[in-house]
Amino acid sequence: MKSHVKSAMVLFGALFIIYFQQMLVVAAPHNGEVYSLKQPDNSYVQVKVYGDEFYQRIESIDGYTLVRDSDTNWICYAEVNKGQNDFVSTGIKYSKDENKEQQVEVKRKLTKGQKLNRKVIENKADKAKRIFFSQGFSQQNNISLCSENNLLQVQQTEEGTKILGLTLLIKFSDKDTDIAKQNVSDMINKVGYDGYGNNGSVRDYFYDVSGGEVIYNNYVTDFYVAKKPKSYYEDTDIEVGVRANELIQEALQDLESKGFDFSILSTNSNKIVLALNVLYAGSPDTGWGKGLWPHSGCLDETFTADDVKISAYQIAPLEKSLNITTYIHENGHMLFGWPDLYDYDSDSKGAGLYSVMSYSYGANPVPPDPYLRSICCGWGKVTTLNDLPDKTTVSVKAGSLEVFKFDGPNPEEYFLIENISKTGRWAKIPDEGLIIWHIDENGSNNWQDMTYEKHYMVSVEQADGEFDLEGNINYGDSSDLFDGSNYTAFNDTTSPSSKLWDGQSSGLNITNISIAGDTMTFTINNSNSSKTTATATPTPIPTATPTPIPTPTQDLSPTPTIIIGDVNGDNSVNSLDFAYTRMYLLGISSAFPSKNGIIAADVNADSSINSIDFAYIRQYLLGYIDKFPAIP
């Protein structure tokens, strides 16, 4: 197991780099969950929250859009401004008494569920990201510390990966909690935990979904009492992350002053602590992504003690009950670099309720999808369908880590197939049967357009062909998965089809899909295969080999055009180029995919490839520069 885990982590570390920009500040999505927000007179009102800390739309319980009045700070009913690019306050306060005459009157003039258009939302979210990123760049903290906060080169054991994180507990002079330290420790660490209706502890979850390859525990501190009242850290005029940084730094300094040995925590090869979780008393009072709204991020100033460094963190509230779902989602970001698979601007449903990094609610979060689980992390068995003889009958067990992969001509676009049923950690999914995932590592789950240029990275091929996830209709329904009662085939002519995003045939053709059950079967029709001997139930082939860097097509042009920064030769500068440059500098790869990669990577034209080039590529992708120094 040891070599398997190590090789998987090399692949995983590389993939993490691709996603690190998404990870700098991320949070679990909200889709109508009820929160209590604070009014200026210290009263609380219940609201529904949609979105994350980059962009939030907040509604009254009965569905009318709300904003904080910029002059009075009261939460008020909102209307769209004349420019159709923002919500503005009507001046009518939102209160518990919905029958107040002013509230009744204003609601007659408003429409429920008002939304801004997609482009406006994208611009607002992008602005919020830039504000947060600029905070990090303005400090001495090297953002690469955050991007390196992953399992690459972590010490492995024969039993698997043992990780010890740190959980800070914080309360305030004006806000305490009834949740005891032992309750929190049990939620995170106890084997077989079932408190508050949770299906196991955080430790149980990662142990289960990794097939026993990850054993994740946390050292849980005593409660630290913050220097200032909670209202200070919840200032509605302060952007997300600012006061959280201040609060975390003071709690860490207090822990150090009491003699805590930070060296016991798990670190990567650069001595960066893998996981810092911060849980604070009370709820996030401000809304709209301000104050202490839950998120993952990086400290503006790296904390160093006992020869280790802390940069990445996640912060969340300790409310009336404990729930493992958000904690797991955020640690997916910190530990494994998993990207969010929901749509940031909430105009589609991403991977729906089928992945913990999309939408997962309650006390029984679903497992990660097989792309994150099997391809990125190397957990479980992967069988390559392309290698099987024509007319092979494939047997798929439900609830296992087994996944079947069909490769296309492009190594970054392929299909994954697994069998899931409504039991155990899958108990709350909308449907059961054969789930077919369409993966394109260059896509984004913000892109529901379903075009060659813009499409999801991780897509559920919904068997009914309705594409409800992309259409923002639901989070999944009872006709999404394939089973013999309704949907028995998946190929070029079915809807949905097995064609690639460019419209070309992938070659995937499966038929005779059985009725949903603990074991399902289907026939793989590899008509172009030279193998003709069928086998009834192929032995799954475990693989931990990283996906190979694609070999570029030979350029026969006598004068090739070189795009500075485009190290993989795909005619654009994007996160893949960032990742390949990082891999080159770390020594993970000794060459670039493009034969002109060495020239393209020297973005500042100093005749060498080093961390300065890496920094320029990062700044370019974040929009801080619009061209490289090497470009006249």
Foldseek 3Di string as FASTA:
>chain_A
DQVLQQLLVLLLLLLLLLQLLLAQKFFAFFDFDWDWAAFPVRDTAIWGWGFALLFIWIGHPVAFTWDQAPVRRAIAGWDQDPVLQDIHHPPHHDDPPCPPPVNVVVVVVGDGPDDGDPVSLVVSSLVLSLVVVVLLVVFPDDCVLQSNLEANQFDADPQAAEFEAEEAEEEEPVFDAPDAQVNLQQQAANACDQPPNFRGHVQNQVCQLQVRRYRYHYDYDHYDYFPHGLCVLLPLVAAAPPSVLVRVVVRVVVCVVVPDQPQVGTGHPQQEHQEYEYEYEDARHRDSSGGQRWIKHFRSDWDDDNHHTYTIYTYGYDYRGDACLRVNLSSCCRYRSDHQQQANSLQFQGLFQAASSGDADDNQHAHHPLCSRCASSNGDFEAEPLPAAFFAKAKAFEPGSYKYWYAFPDLQWTKIKHWYDLDHSNVPAAEGGIWIWTAHSPADSNFLPLALVHHHRIDTQFQVLPSRRSNSNHSDHHRGHDADVPGFKEDCPHRVHCPDRNRHGRQWIKGRWHGHDRMIIITTGNVVDPHHDYDHYDDTHRDSNHRDLDADDDDPDPDDDAAACCLQPPPDHGSSSLSQLVCCAVVVDVGTNDPCNQVNQPQQPPNDHDVVSSVQSVCCHSPVDVGTNVPD
